[in-house]
């Protein structure tokens, strides 16, 4: 899975949210830690262990 691309799509507004299953959460979290715009990504845990990630700001605000 190309988590870098998914994070870029979130920040740019191309996708509104991304849900990750518990078994993949650690790999995505490693990518987020190294992501240059990680302050724009927010995760919300759901019952059952899934996490829904969304962008807190749009690309327009970052430029």
N, C-alpha and C. Protein backbone atom coordinates (compact mmCIF):
# COMPACT_ATOMS: atom_id res chain seq x y z
N UNK A 1 0.85 -1.18 0.00
CA UNK A 1 0.00 0.00 0.00
C UNK A 1 0.90 1.24 0.00
N UNK A 2 0.58 2.19 -0.85
CA UNK A 2 1.36 3.43 -0.95
C UNK A 2 0.74 4.49 -0.03
N UNK A 3 1.11 4.44 1.24
CA UNK A 3 0.54 5.36 2.23
C UNK A 3 0.96 6.80 1.98
N UNK A 4 2.14 7.01 1.43
CA UNK A 4 2.59 8.36 1.10
C UNK A 4 1.60 9.01 0.11
N UNK A 5 1.21 8.26 -0.90
CA UNK A 5 0.26 8.76 -1.89
C UNK A 5 -1.09 9.06 -1.25
N UNK A 6 -1.53 8.19 -0.36
CA UNK A 6 -2.81 8.39 0.33
C UNK A 6 -2.77 9.66 1.17
N UNK A 7 -1.68 9.88 1.88
CA UNK A 7 -1.55 11.10 2.69
C UNK A 7 -1.55 12.34 1.81
N UNK A 8 -0.85 12.27 0.68
CA UNK A 8 -0.86 13.40 -0.27
C UNK A 8 -2.27 13.68 -0.77
N UNK A 9 -3.03 12.63 -1.05
CA UNK A 9 -4.41 12.80 -1.53
C UNK A 9 -5.30 13.41 -0.44
N UNK A 10 -5.09 13.02 0.80
CA UNK A 10 -5.85 13.61 1.90
C UNK A 10 -5.57 15.11 2.02
N UNK A 11 -4.30 15.46 2.05
CA UNK A 11 -3.92 16.86 2.24
C UNK A 11 -4.37 17.73 1.07
N UNK A 12 -4.32 17.18 -0.14
CA UNK A 12 -4.72 17.95 -1.32
C UNK A 12 -6.24 18.06 -1.46
N UNK A 13 -6.97 17.24 -0.73
CA UNK A 13 -8.42 17.25 -0.84
C UNK A 13 -8.97 16.31 -1.89
N UNK A 14 -8.09 15.55 -2.53
CA UNK A 14 -8.50 14.59 -3.55
C UNK A 14 -9.42 13.52 -2.94
N UNK A 15 -9.11 13.10 -1.73
CA UNK A 15 -10.00 12.21 -0.98
C UNK A 15 -10.32 12.87 0.35
N UNK A 16 -11.51 12.61 0.88
CA UNK A 16 -11.95 13.27 2.11
C UNK A 16 -11.48 12.54 3.36
N UNK A 17 -11.39 11.21 3.28
CA UNK A 17 -10.96 10.44 4.44
C UNK A 17 -10.39 9.11 3.98
N UNK A 18 -9.65 8.49 4.87
CA UNK A 18 -9.10 7.17 4.61
C UNK A 18 -9.22 6.35 5.87
N UNK A 19 -9.81 5.18 5.75
CA UNK A 19 -9.97 4.31 6.91
C UNK A 19 -8.96 3.17 6.82
N UNK A 20 -8.26 2.97 7.92
CA UNK A 20 -7.26 1.91 7.98
C UNK A 20 -7.70 0.88 9.02
N UNK A 21 -7.53 -0.38 8.68
CA UNK A 21 -7.88 -1.48 9.58
C UNK A 21 -6.80 -1.63 10.65
N UNK A 22 -7.15 -2.21 11.78
CA UNK A 22 -6.17 -2.34 12.89
C UNK A 22 -4.87 -3.02 12.49
N UNK A 23 -4.94 -4.02 11.63
CA UNK A 23 -3.73 -4.75 11.26
C UNK A 23 -2.78 -3.92 10.38
N UNK A 24 -3.27 -2.84 9.77
CA UNK A 24 -2.44 -1.99 8.93
C UNK A 24 -2.09 -0.66 9.59
N UNK A 25 -2.64 -0.39 10.75
CA UNK A 25 -2.50 0.90 11.41
C UNK A 25 -1.04 1.24 11.73
N UNK A 26 -0.26 0.27 12.15
CA UNK A 26 1.13 0.54 12.53
C UNK A 26 1.94 1.00 11.32
N UNK A 27 1.76 0.36 10.17
CA UNK A 27 2.49 0.75 8.97
C UNK A 27 2.13 2.16 8.53
N UNK A 28 0.86 2.51 8.58
CA UNK A 28 0.44 3.86 8.21
C UNK A 28 1.00 4.87 9.21
N UNK A 29 1.01 4.52 10.48
CA UNK A 29 1.51 5.43 11.51
C UNK A 29 3.00 5.73 11.29
N UNK A 30 3.77 4.74 10.86
CA UNK A 30 5.19 4.95 10.56
C UNK A 30 5.34 5.95 9.42
N UNK A 31 4.49 5.85 8.41
CA UNK A 31 4.54 6.77 7.28
C UNK A 31 4.16 8.18 7.72
N UNK A 32 3.15 8.29 8.56
CA UNK A 32 2.71 9.61 9.04
C UNK A 32 3.83 10.29 9.83
N UNK A 33 4.55 9.55 10.65
CA UNK A 33 5.64 10.14 11.44
C UNK A 33 6.70 10.79 10.57
N UNK A 34 6.91 10.25 9.38
CA UNK A 34 7.93 10.77 8.47
C UNK A 34 7.36 11.71 7.41
N UNK A 35 6.06 11.95 7.46
CA UNK A 35 5.39 12.78 6.47
C UNK A 35 5.60 14.25 6.79
N UNK A 36 6.03 15.03 5.82
CA UNK A 36 6.36 16.43 6.04
C UNK A 36 5.19 17.31 6.44
N UNK A 37 3.98 16.89 6.11
CA UNK A 37 2.79 17.70 6.41
C UNK A 37 1.89 17.00 7.43
N UNK A 38 2.49 16.24 8.32
CA UNK A 38 1.70 15.43 9.26
C UNK A 38 0.81 16.25 10.18
N UNK A 39 1.14 17.51 10.39
CA UNK A 39 0.30 18.36 11.24
C UNK A 39 -1.08 18.60 10.62
N UNK A 40 -1.22 18.28 9.34
CA UNK A 40 -2.50 18.46 8.66
C UNK A 40 -3.36 17.20 8.65
N UNK A 41 -2.87 16.13 9.25
CA UNK A 41 -3.58 14.85 9.26
C UNK A 41 -4.09 14.56 10.67
N UNK A 42 -5.36 14.19 10.76
CA UNK A 42 -5.96 13.84 12.05
C UNK A 42 -6.57 12.44 11.93
N UNK A 43 -6.35 11.64 12.97
CA UNK A 43 -6.93 10.30 13.01
C UNK A 43 -7.98 10.21 14.11
N UNK A 44 -9.05 9.50 13.80
CA UNK A 44 -10.12 9.29 14.78
C UNK A 44 -10.37 7.78 14.87
N UNK A 45 -10.19 7.24 16.08
CA UNK A 45 -10.38 5.81 16.29
C UNK A 45 -11.86 5.47 16.30
N UNK A 46 -12.16 4.32 15.71
CA UNK A 46 -13.53 3.82 15.70
C UNK A 46 -13.60 2.57 16.57
N UNK A 47 -14.78 2.24 16.97
CA UNK A 47 -14.98 1.01 17.72
C UNK A 47 -14.52 -0.17 16.86
N UNK A 48 -13.76 -1.05 17.43
CA UNK A 48 -13.24 -2.19 16.70
C UNK A 48 -11.79 -2.02 16.26
N UNK A 49 -11.24 -0.82 16.44
CA UNK A 49 -9.83 -0.61 16.17
C UNK A 49 -9.48 0.08 14.87
N UNK A 50 -10.44 0.28 13.98
CA UNK A 50 -10.16 1.01 12.75
C UNK A 50 -9.92 2.48 13.07
N UNK A 51 -9.15 3.14 12.22
CA UNK A 51 -8.88 4.56 12.39
C UNK A 51 -9.23 5.27 11.08
N UNK A 52 -9.97 6.38 11.20
CA UNK A 52 -10.33 7.18 10.03
C UNK A 52 -9.46 8.43 10.05
N UNK A 53 -8.68 8.61 8.99
CA UNK A 53 -7.82 9.77 8.86
C UNK A 53 -8.46 10.79 7.94
N UNK A 54 -8.36 12.06 8.33
CA UNK A 54 -8.86 13.17 7.52
C UNK A 54 -7.81 14.28 7.54
N UNK A 55 -7.94 15.22 6.61
CA UNK A 55 -7.06 16.38 6.59
C UNK A 55 -7.72 17.48 7.41
N UNK A 56 -6.93 18.18 8.23
CA UNK A 56 -7.47 19.24 9.05
C UNK A 56 -7.44 20.58 8.34
N UNK A 57 -6.63 20.71 7.30
CA UNK A 57 -6.54 21.94 6.49
C UNK A 57 -6.47 21.55 5.03
N UNK A 58 -6.88 22.43 4.16
CA UNK A 58 -6.80 22.14 2.73
C UNK A 58 -5.48 22.60 2.17
N UNK A 59 -5.17 22.16 0.99
CA UNK A 59 -3.94 22.56 0.32
C UNK A 59 -3.85 24.05 0.10
N UNK A 60 -4.97 24.74 -0.07
CA UNK A 60 -4.97 26.18 -0.29
C UNK A 60 -4.39 26.92 0.91
N UNK A 61 -4.69 26.43 2.11
CA UNK A 61 -4.20 27.08 3.32
C UNK A 61 -2.71 26.83 3.52
N UNK A 62 -2.18 25.77 2.95
CA UNK A 62 -0.79 25.41 3.16
C UNK A 62 0.15 26.19 2.25
N UNK A 63 -0.32 26.72 1.16
CA UNK A 63 0.56 27.36 0.17
C UNK A 63 0.92 28.74 0.54
